[in-house]
Full PDB file with SEQRES, HELIX, SHEET, SSBOND, CRYST1, ORIGX, SCALE, CONECT and MASTER records, all heavy atoms in Angstrom:
SEQRES   1 A   30  TYR THR PHE LYS ASN ASP VAL VAL VAL GLU ALA GLY ILE          
SEQRES   2 A   30  ALA PHE ASP THR ARG ASN GLY THR LEU ASP LYS LYS SER          
SEQRES   3 A   30  ARG ASP GLY ILE                                              
CRYST1    1.000    1.000    1.000  90.00  90.00  90.00 P 1           1          
ORIGX1      1.000000  0.000000  0.000000        0.00000                         
ORIGX2      0.000000  1.000000  0.000000        0.00000                         
ORIGX3      0.000000  0.000000  1.000000        0.00000                         
SCALE1      1.000000  0.000000  0.000000        0.00000                         
SCALE2      0.000000  1.000000  0.000000        0.00000                         
SCALE3      0.000000  0.000000  1.000000        0.00000                         
ATOM      1  N   TYR A   1      84.199 121.313 105.660  1.00  0.00           N  
ATOM      2  CA  TYR A   1      83.011 120.981 106.391  1.00  0.00           C  
ATOM      3  C   TYR A   1      83.107 119.563 106.857  1.00  0.00           C  
ATOM      4  O   TYR A   1      83.450 118.616 106.096  1.00  0.00           O  
ATOM      5  CB  TYR A   1      81.855 121.087 105.445  1.00  0.00           C  
ATOM      6  CG  TYR A   1      80.516 120.871 106.117  1.00  0.00           C  
ATOM      7  CD1 TYR A   1      79.882 121.816 106.914  1.00  0.00           C  
ATOM      8  CD2 TYR A   1      79.824 119.626 106.058  1.00  0.00           C  
ATOM      9  CE1 TYR A   1      78.630 121.616 107.499  1.00  0.00           C  
ATOM     10  CE2 TYR A   1      78.674 119.356 106.773  1.00  0.00           C  
ATOM     11  CZ  TYR A   1      78.092 120.389 107.465  1.00  0.00           C  
ATOM     12  OH  TYR A   1      76.940 120.196 108.092  1.00  0.00           O  
ATOM     13  N   THR A   2      82.721 119.384 108.183  1.00  0.00           N  
ATOM     14  CA  THR A   2      82.730 118.024 108.787  1.00  0.00           C  
ATOM     15  C   THR A   2      81.383 117.509 108.953  1.00  0.00           C  
ATOM     16  O   THR A   2      80.546 118.130 109.654  1.00  0.00           O  
ATOM     17  CB  THR A   2      83.487 118.101 110.123  1.00  0.00           C  
ATOM     18  OG1 THR A   2      84.847 118.615 109.941  1.00  0.00           O  
ATOM     19  CG2 THR A   2      83.623 116.652 110.797  1.00  0.00           C  
ATOM     20  N   PHE A   3      81.045 116.394 108.466  1.00  0.00           N  
ATOM     21  CA  PHE A   3      79.721 115.834 108.603  1.00  0.00           C  
ATOM     22  C   PHE A   3      79.592 115.068 109.937  1.00  0.00           C  
ATOM     23  O   PHE A   3      80.626 114.818 110.632  1.00  0.00           O  
ATOM     24  CB  PHE A   3      79.493 114.802 107.448  1.00  0.00           C  
ATOM     25  CG  PHE A   3      79.357 115.472 106.099  1.00  0.00           C  
ATOM     26  CD1 PHE A   3      80.433 115.633 105.316  1.00  0.00           C  
ATOM     27  CD2 PHE A   3      78.127 115.965 105.696  1.00  0.00           C  
ATOM     28  CE1 PHE A   3      80.368 116.246 104.127  1.00  0.00           C  
ATOM     29  CE2 PHE A   3      77.958 116.560 104.461  1.00  0.00           C  
ATOM     30  CZ  PHE A   3      79.063 116.722 103.592  1.00  0.00           C  
ATOM     31  N   LYS A   4      78.395 114.690 110.296  1.00  0.00           N  
ATOM     32  CA  LYS A   4      78.180 114.006 111.573  1.00  0.00           C  
ATOM     33  C   LYS A   4      78.932 112.634 111.728  1.00  0.00           C  
ATOM     34  O   LYS A   4      79.217 112.242 112.758  1.00  0.00           O  
ATOM     35  CB  LYS A   4      76.678 113.747 111.855  1.00  0.00           C  
ATOM     36  CG  LYS A   4      75.927 115.048 112.027  1.00  0.00           C  
ATOM     37  CD  LYS A   4      74.429 114.791 112.257  1.00  0.00           C  
ATOM     38  CE  LYS A   4      73.674 116.061 112.498  1.00  0.00           C  
ATOM     39  NZ  LYS A   4      72.267 115.847 112.782  1.00  0.00           N  
ATOM     40  N   ASN A   5      79.197 112.000 110.561  1.00  0.00           N  
ATOM     41  CA  ASN A   5      79.951 110.746 110.589  1.00  0.00           C  
ATOM     42  C   ASN A   5      81.488 110.977 110.463  1.00  0.00           C  
ATOM     43  O   ASN A   5      82.219 109.979 110.225  1.00  0.00           O  
ATOM     44  CB  ASN A   5      79.464 109.855 109.417  1.00  0.00           C  
ATOM     45  CG  ASN A   5      79.641 110.472 108.053  1.00  0.00           C  
ATOM     46  OD1 ASN A   5      80.247 111.666 107.955  1.00  0.00           O  
ATOM     47  ND2 ASN A   5      79.305 109.781 106.953  1.00  0.00           N  
ATOM     48  N   ASP A   6      81.876 112.173 110.749  1.00  0.00           N  
ATOM     49  CA  ASP A   6      83.291 112.553 110.728  1.00  0.00           C  
ATOM     50  C   ASP A   6      83.996 112.549 109.359  1.00  0.00           C  
ATOM     51  O   ASP A   6      85.232 112.601 109.303  1.00  0.00           O  
ATOM     52  CB  ASP A   6      84.065 111.715 111.714  1.00  0.00           C  
ATOM     53  CG  ASP A   6      83.734 111.955 113.174  1.00  0.00           C  
ATOM     54  OD1 ASP A   6      83.427 113.120 113.540  1.00  0.00           O  
ATOM     55  OD2 ASP A   6      83.740 110.965 113.949  1.00  0.00           O  
ATOM     56  N   VAL A   7      83.258 112.524 108.319  1.00  0.00           N  
ATOM     57  CA  VAL A   7      83.811 112.694 106.967  1.00  0.00           C  
ATOM     58  C   VAL A   7      83.985 114.166 106.729  1.00  0.00           C  
ATOM     59  O   VAL A   7      83.125 114.963 107.022  1.00  0.00           O  
ATOM     60  CB  VAL A   7      82.896 112.070 105.884  1.00  0.00           C  
ATOM     61  CG1 VAL A   7      83.389 112.423 104.490  1.00  0.00           C  
ATOM     62  CG2 VAL A   7      82.821 110.517 106.052  1.00  0.00           C  
ATOM     63  N   VAL A   8      85.113 114.505 106.206  1.00  0.00           N  
ATOM     64  CA  VAL A   8      85.507 115.906 106.008  1.00  0.00           C  
ATOM     65  C   VAL A   8      85.684 116.193 104.554  1.00  0.00           C  
ATOM     66  O   VAL A   8      86.410 115.486 103.791  1.00  0.00           O  
ATOM     67  CB  VAL A   8      86.806 116.330 106.774  1.00  0.00           C  
ATOM     68  CG1 VAL A   8      87.117 117.779 106.555  1.00  0.00           C  
ATOM     69  CG2 VAL A   8      86.709 116.010 108.172  1.00  0.00           C  
ATOM     70  N   VAL A   9      85.079 117.251 104.023  1.00  0.00           N  
ATOM     71  CA  VAL A   9      85.229 117.787 102.594  1.00  0.00           C  
ATOM     72  C   VAL A   9      85.964 119.040 102.717  1.00  0.00           C  
ATOM     73  O   VAL A   9      85.475 119.977 103.497  1.00  0.00           O  
ATOM     74  CB  VAL A   9      83.892 117.825 101.870  1.00  0.00           C  
ATOM     75  CG1 VAL A   9      84.100 118.380 100.525  1.00  0.00           C  
ATOM     76  CG2 VAL A   9      83.198 116.516 101.818  1.00  0.00           C  
ATOM     77  N   GLU A  10      87.011 119.253 101.916  1.00  0.00           N  
ATOM     78  CA  GLU A  10      87.840 120.430 102.015  1.00  0.00           C  
ATOM     79  C   GLU A  10      88.177 120.945 100.682  1.00  0.00           C  
ATOM     80  O   GLU A  10      88.466 120.161  99.746  1.00  0.00           O  
ATOM     81  CB  GLU A  10      89.078 120.113 102.824  1.00  0.00           C  
ATOM     82  CG  GLU A  10      90.026 121.329 103.047  1.00  0.00           C  
ATOM     83  CD  GLU A  10      91.112 121.053 104.021  1.00  0.00           C  
ATOM     84  OE1 GLU A  10      90.819 120.900 105.238  1.00  0.00           O  
ATOM     85  OE2 GLU A  10      92.315 120.831 103.578  1.00  0.00           O  
ATOM     86  N   ALA A  11      88.227 122.319 100.541  1.00  0.00           N  
ATOM     87  CA  ALA A  11      88.676 122.962  99.337  1.00  0.00           C  
ATOM     88  C   ALA A  11      89.664 124.044  99.756  1.00  0.00           C  
ATOM     89  O   ALA A  11      89.643 124.535 100.899  1.00  0.00           O  
ATOM     90  CB  ALA A  11      87.557 123.559  98.516  1.00  0.00           C  
ATOM     91  N   GLY A  12      90.518 124.435  98.877  1.00  0.00           N  
ATOM     92  CA  GLY A  12      91.521 125.474  99.128  1.00  0.00           C  
ATOM     93  C   GLY A  12      91.927 126.256  97.934  1.00  0.00           C  
ATOM     94  O   GLY A  12      91.669 125.849  96.814  1.00  0.00           O  
ATOM     95  N   ILE A  13      92.648 127.309  98.137  1.00  0.00           N  
ATOM     96  CA  ILE A  13      93.291 128.042  97.084  1.00  0.00           C  
ATOM     97  C   ILE A  13      94.535 128.699  97.623  1.00  0.00           C  
ATOM     98  O   ILE A  13      94.548 129.205  98.756  1.00  0.00           O  
ATOM     99  CB  ILE A  13      92.287 129.089  96.502  1.00  0.00           C  
ATOM    100  CG1 ILE A  13      92.969 129.811  95.271  1.00  0.00           C  
ATOM    101  CG2 ILE A  13      91.945 130.174  97.574  1.00  0.00           C  
ATOM    102  CD1 ILE A  13      91.903 130.647  94.415  1.00  0.00           C  
ATOM    103  N   ALA A  14      95.655 128.639  96.899  1.00  0.00           N  
ATOM    104  CA  ALA A  14      96.959 129.072  97.405  1.00  0.00           C  
ATOM    105  C   ALA A  14      97.829 129.512  96.299  1.00  0.00           C  
ATOM    106  O   ALA A  14      97.717 129.015  95.113  1.00  0.00           O  
ATOM    107  CB  ALA A  14      97.643 127.949  98.243  1.00  0.00           C  
ATOM    108  N   PHE A  15      98.769 130.384  96.545  1.00  0.00           N  
ATOM    109  CA  PHE A  15      99.807 130.731  95.624  1.00  0.00           C  
ATOM    110  C   PHE A  15     100.973 129.760  95.980  1.00  0.00           C  
ATOM    111  O   PHE A  15     101.399 129.706  97.126  1.00  0.00           O  
ATOM    112  CB  PHE A  15     100.290 132.159  95.925  1.00  0.00           C  
ATOM    113  CG  PHE A  15     101.420 132.642  95.084  1.00  0.00           C  
ATOM    114  CD1 PHE A  15     101.279 132.985  93.731  1.00  0.00           C  
ATOM    115  CD2 PHE A  15     102.806 132.561  95.569  1.00  0.00           C  
ATOM    116  CE1 PHE A  15     102.330 133.320  92.906  1.00  0.00           C  
ATOM    117  CE2 PHE A  15     103.791 133.015  94.797  1.00  0.00           C  
ATOM    118  CZ  PHE A  15     103.657 133.366  93.452  1.00  0.00           C  
ATOM    119  N   ASP A  16     101.450 129.054  94.968  1.00  0.00           N  
ATOM    120  CA  ASP A  16     102.298 127.898  95.169  1.00  0.00           C  
ATOM    121  C   ASP A  16     103.478 128.062  94.213  1.00  0.00           C  
ATOM    122  O   ASP A  16     103.307 128.127  93.004  1.00  0.00           O  
ATOM    123  CB  ASP A  16     101.486 126.674  94.951  1.00  0.00           C  
ATOM    124  CG  ASP A  16     102.192 125.362  95.354  1.00  0.00           C  
ATOM    125  OD1 ASP A  16     103.432 125.375  95.352  1.00  0.00           O  
ATOM    126  OD2 ASP A  16     101.495 124.384  95.672  1.00  0.00           O  
ATOM    127  N   THR A  17     104.734 127.955  94.719  1.00  0.00           N  
ATOM    128  CA  THR A  17     105.968 127.906  93.899  1.00  0.00           C  
ATOM    129  C   THR A  17     106.489 126.580  93.785  1.00  0.00           C  
ATOM    130  O   THR A  17     106.595 125.830  94.873  1.00  0.00           O  
ATOM    131  CB  THR A  17     106.966 128.894  94.338  1.00  0.00           C  
ATOM    132  OG1 THR A  17     107.460 128.524  95.657  1.00  0.00           O  
ATOM    133  CG2 THR A  17     106.515 130.309  94.454  1.00  0.00           C  
ATOM    134  N   ARG A  18     106.798 126.094  92.612  1.00  0.00           N  
ATOM    135  CA  ARG A  18     107.253 124.668  92.397  1.00  0.00           C  
ATOM    136  C   ARG A  18     108.529 124.827  91.481  1.00  0.00           C  
ATOM    137  O   ARG A  18     108.457 125.078  90.347  1.00  0.00           O  
ATOM    138  CB  ARG A  18     106.250 123.844  91.749  1.00  0.00           C  
ATOM    139  CG  ARG A  18     105.017 123.866  92.561  1.00  0.00           C  
ATOM    140  CD  ARG A  18     104.062 122.775  92.203  1.00  0.00           C  
ATOM    141  NE  ARG A  18     102.970 122.769  93.135  1.00  0.00           N  
ATOM    142  CZ  ARG A  18     102.113 121.720  93.322  1.00  0.00           C  
ATOM    143  NH1 ARG A  18     102.294 120.625  92.628  1.00  0.00           N  
ATOM    144  NH2 ARG A  18     101.154 121.792  94.158  1.00  0.00           N  
ATOM    145  N   ASN A  19     109.683 124.588  92.160  1.00  0.00           N  
ATOM    146  CA  ASN A  19     110.975 124.823  91.489  1.00  0.00           C  
ATOM    147  C   ASN A  19     111.634 123.471  91.169  1.00  0.00           C  
ATOM    148  O   ASN A  19     111.451 122.566  91.869  1.00  0.00           O  
ATOM    149  CB  ASN A  19     111.951 125.738  92.295  1.00  0.00           C  
ATOM    150  CG  ASN A  19     111.221 126.985  92.756  1.00  0.00           C  
ATOM    151  OD1 ASN A  19     110.454 127.583  91.964  1.00  0.00           O  
ATOM    152  ND2 ASN A  19     111.565 127.437  93.979  1.00  0.00           N  
ATOM    153  N   GLY A  20     112.362 123.472  90.100  1.00  0.00           N  
ATOM    154  CA  GLY A  20     113.139 122.229  89.792  1.00  0.00           C  
ATOM    155  C   GLY A  20     114.247 122.472  88.843  1.00  0.00           C  
ATOM    156  O   GLY A  20     114.342 123.502  88.138  1.00  0.00           O  
ATOM    157  N   THR A  21     115.242 121.587  88.842  1.00  0.00           N  
ATOM    158  CA  THR A  21     116.378 121.690  88.027  1.00  0.00           C  
ATOM    159  C   THR A  21     116.457 120.558  87.028  1.00  0.00           C  
ATOM    160  O   THR A  21     116.347 119.439  87.331  1.00  0.00           O  
ATOM    161  CB  THR A  21     117.708 121.713  88.811  1.00  0.00           C  
ATOM    162  OG1 THR A  21     117.679 122.880  89.686  1.00  0.00           O  
ATOM    163  CG2 THR A  21     118.940 121.823  87.961  1.00  0.00           C  
ATOM    164  N   LEU A  22     116.710 120.918  85.707  1.00  0.00           N  
ATOM    165  CA  LEU A  22     116.909 119.838  84.658  1.00  0.00           C  
ATOM    166  C   LEU A  22     118.328 120.025  84.133  1.00  0.00           C  
ATOM    167  O   LEU A  22     118.808 121.093  83.848  1.00  0.00           O  
ATOM    168  CB  LEU A  22     115.886 120.151  83.520  1.00  0.00           C  
ATOM    169  CG  LEU A  22     114.452 120.039  83.841  1.00  0.00           C  
ATOM    170  CD1 LEU A  22     113.628 120.449  82.627  1.00  0.00           C  
ATOM    171  CD2 LEU A  22     114.101 118.626  84.299  1.00  0.00           C  
ATOM    172  N   ASP A  23     118.967 118.873  84.015  1.00  0.00           N  
ATOM    173  CA  ASP A  23     120.338 118.863  83.578  1.00  0.00           C  
ATOM    174  C   ASP A  23     120.464 118.020  82.276  1.00  0.00           C  
ATOM    175  O   ASP A  23     119.938 116.917  82.252  1.00  0.00           O  
ATOM    176  CB  ASP A  23     121.275 118.243  84.672  1.00  0.00           C  
ATOM    177  CG  ASP A  23     122.753 118.513  84.428  1.00  0.00           C  
ATOM    178  OD1 ASP A  23     123.096 118.795  83.264  1.00  0.00           O  
ATOM    179  OD2 ASP A  23     123.529 118.439  85.392  1.00  0.00           O  
ATOM    180  N   LYS A  24     121.085 118.606  81.279  1.00  0.00           N  
ATOM    181  CA  LYS A  24     121.092 117.878  80.020  1.00  0.00           C  
ATOM    182  C   LYS A  24     122.121 116.767  79.969  1.00  0.00           C  
ATOM    183  O   LYS A  24     123.058 116.778  79.281  1.00  0.00           O  
ATOM    184  CB  LYS A  24     121.361 118.871  78.809  1.00  0.00           C  
ATOM    185  CG  LYS A  24     120.614 118.527  77.537  1.00  0.00           C  
ATOM    186  CD  LYS A  24     120.611 119.683  76.558  1.00  0.00           C  
ATOM    187  CE  LYS A  24     119.619 119.363  75.472  1.00  0.00           C  
ATOM    188  NZ  LYS A  24     119.536 120.498  74.518  1.00  0.00           N  
ATOM    189  N   LYS A  25     121.907 115.821  80.902  1.00  0.00           N  
ATOM    190  CA  LYS A  25     122.717 114.621  80.995  1.00  0.00           C  
ATOM    191  C   LYS A  25     121.794 113.421  81.127  1.00  0.00           C  
ATOM    192  O   LYS A  25     120.669 113.563  81.595  1.00  0.00           O  
ATOM    193  CB  LYS A  25     123.608 114.632  82.240  1.00  0.00           C  
ATOM    194  CG  LYS A  25     124.686 115.769  82.256  1.00  0.00           C  
ATOM    195  CD  LYS A  25     125.515 115.669  83.467  1.00  0.00           C  
ATOM    196  CE  LYS A  25     126.610 116.770  83.520  1.00  0.00           C  
ATOM    197  NZ  LYS A  25     127.404 116.670  84.780  1.00  0.00           N  
ATOM    198  N   SER A  26     122.258 112.313  80.701  1.00  0.00           N  
ATOM    199  CA  SER A  26     121.464 111.109  80.854  1.00  0.00           C  
ATOM    200  C   SER A  26     121.603 110.647  82.296  1.00  0.00           C  
ATOM    201  O   SER A  26     122.464 111.147  83.033  1.00  0.00           O  
ATOM    202  CB  SER A  26     121.908 110.053  79.903  1.00  0.00           C  
ATOM    203  OG  SER A  26     123.280 109.678  80.278  1.00  0.00           O  
ATOM    204  N   ARG A  27     120.806 109.664  82.775  1.00  0.00           N  
ATOM    205  CA  ARG A  27     120.807 109.335  84.170  1.00  0.00           C  
ATOM    206  C   ARG A  27     122.054 108.616  84.610  1.00  0.00           C  
ATOM    207  O   ARG A  27     122.448 108.573  85.721  1.00  0.00           O  
ATOM    208  CB  ARG A  27     119.628 108.458  84.462  1.00  0.00           C  
ATOM    209  CG  ARG A  27     118.326 109.205  84.421  1.00  0.00           C  
ATOM    210  CD  ARG A  27     117.138 108.439  84.926  1.00  0.00           C  
ATOM    211  NE  ARG A  27     115.932 109.204  84.853  1.00  0.00           N  
ATOM    212  CZ  ARG A  27     114.718 108.790  85.347  1.00  0.00           C  
ATOM    213  NH1 ARG A  27     114.669 107.633  85.971  1.00  0.00           N  
ATOM    214  NH2 ARG A  27     113.738 109.554  85.279  1.00  0.00           N  
ATOM    215  N   ASP A  28     122.759 108.074  83.590  1.00  0.00           N  
ATOM    216  CA  ASP A  28     124.140 107.471  84.030  1.00  0.00           C  
ATOM    217  C   ASP A  28     125.206 108.499  84.027  1.00  0.00           C  
ATOM    218  O   ASP A  28     126.337 108.088  84.262  1.00  0.00           O  
ATOM    219  CB  ASP A  28     124.476 106.289  83.028  1.00  0.00           C  
ATOM    220  CG  ASP A  28     124.542 106.851  81.519  1.00  0.00           C  
ATOM    221  OD1 ASP A  28     124.517 108.029  81.371  1.00  0.00           O  
ATOM    222  OD2 ASP A  28     124.752 105.957  80.669  1.00  0.00           O  
ATOM    223  N   GLY A  29     124.943 109.775  83.848  1.00  0.00           N  
ATOM    224  CA  GLY A  29     125.920 110.792  84.006  1.00  0.00           C  
ATOM    225  C   GLY A  29     126.646 111.162  82.758  1.00  0.00           C  
ATOM    226  O   GLY A  29     127.484 112.065  82.706  1.00  0.00           O  
ATOM    227  N   ILE A  30     126.347 110.459  81.608  1.00  0.00           N  
ATOM    228  CA  ILE A  30     127.007 110.826  80.316  1.00  0.00           C  
ATOM    229  C   ILE A  30     126.407 112.028  79.739  1.00  0.00           C  
ATOM    230  O   ILE A  30     125.207 112.087  79.570  1.00  0.00           O  
ATOM    231  CB  ILE A  30     126.912 109.584  79.378  1.00  0.00           C  
ATOM    232  CG1 ILE A  30     127.617 108.384  79.989  1.00  0.00           C  
ATOM    233  CG2 ILE A  30     127.570 109.968  78.044  1.00  0.00           C  
ATOM    234  CD1 ILE A  30     127.487 107.135  79.159  1.00  0.00           C  
TER     235      ILE A  30                                                      
MASTER        0    0    0    0    0    0    0    6  234    1    0    3          
END                                                                             
């Protein structure tokens, strides 16, 4: 919804996939 002063309020709903990889190594590669 956009108000007369151009402020916009927004809501949504979505199916969202979030993928990631974890490696059992420390950040220095050991």
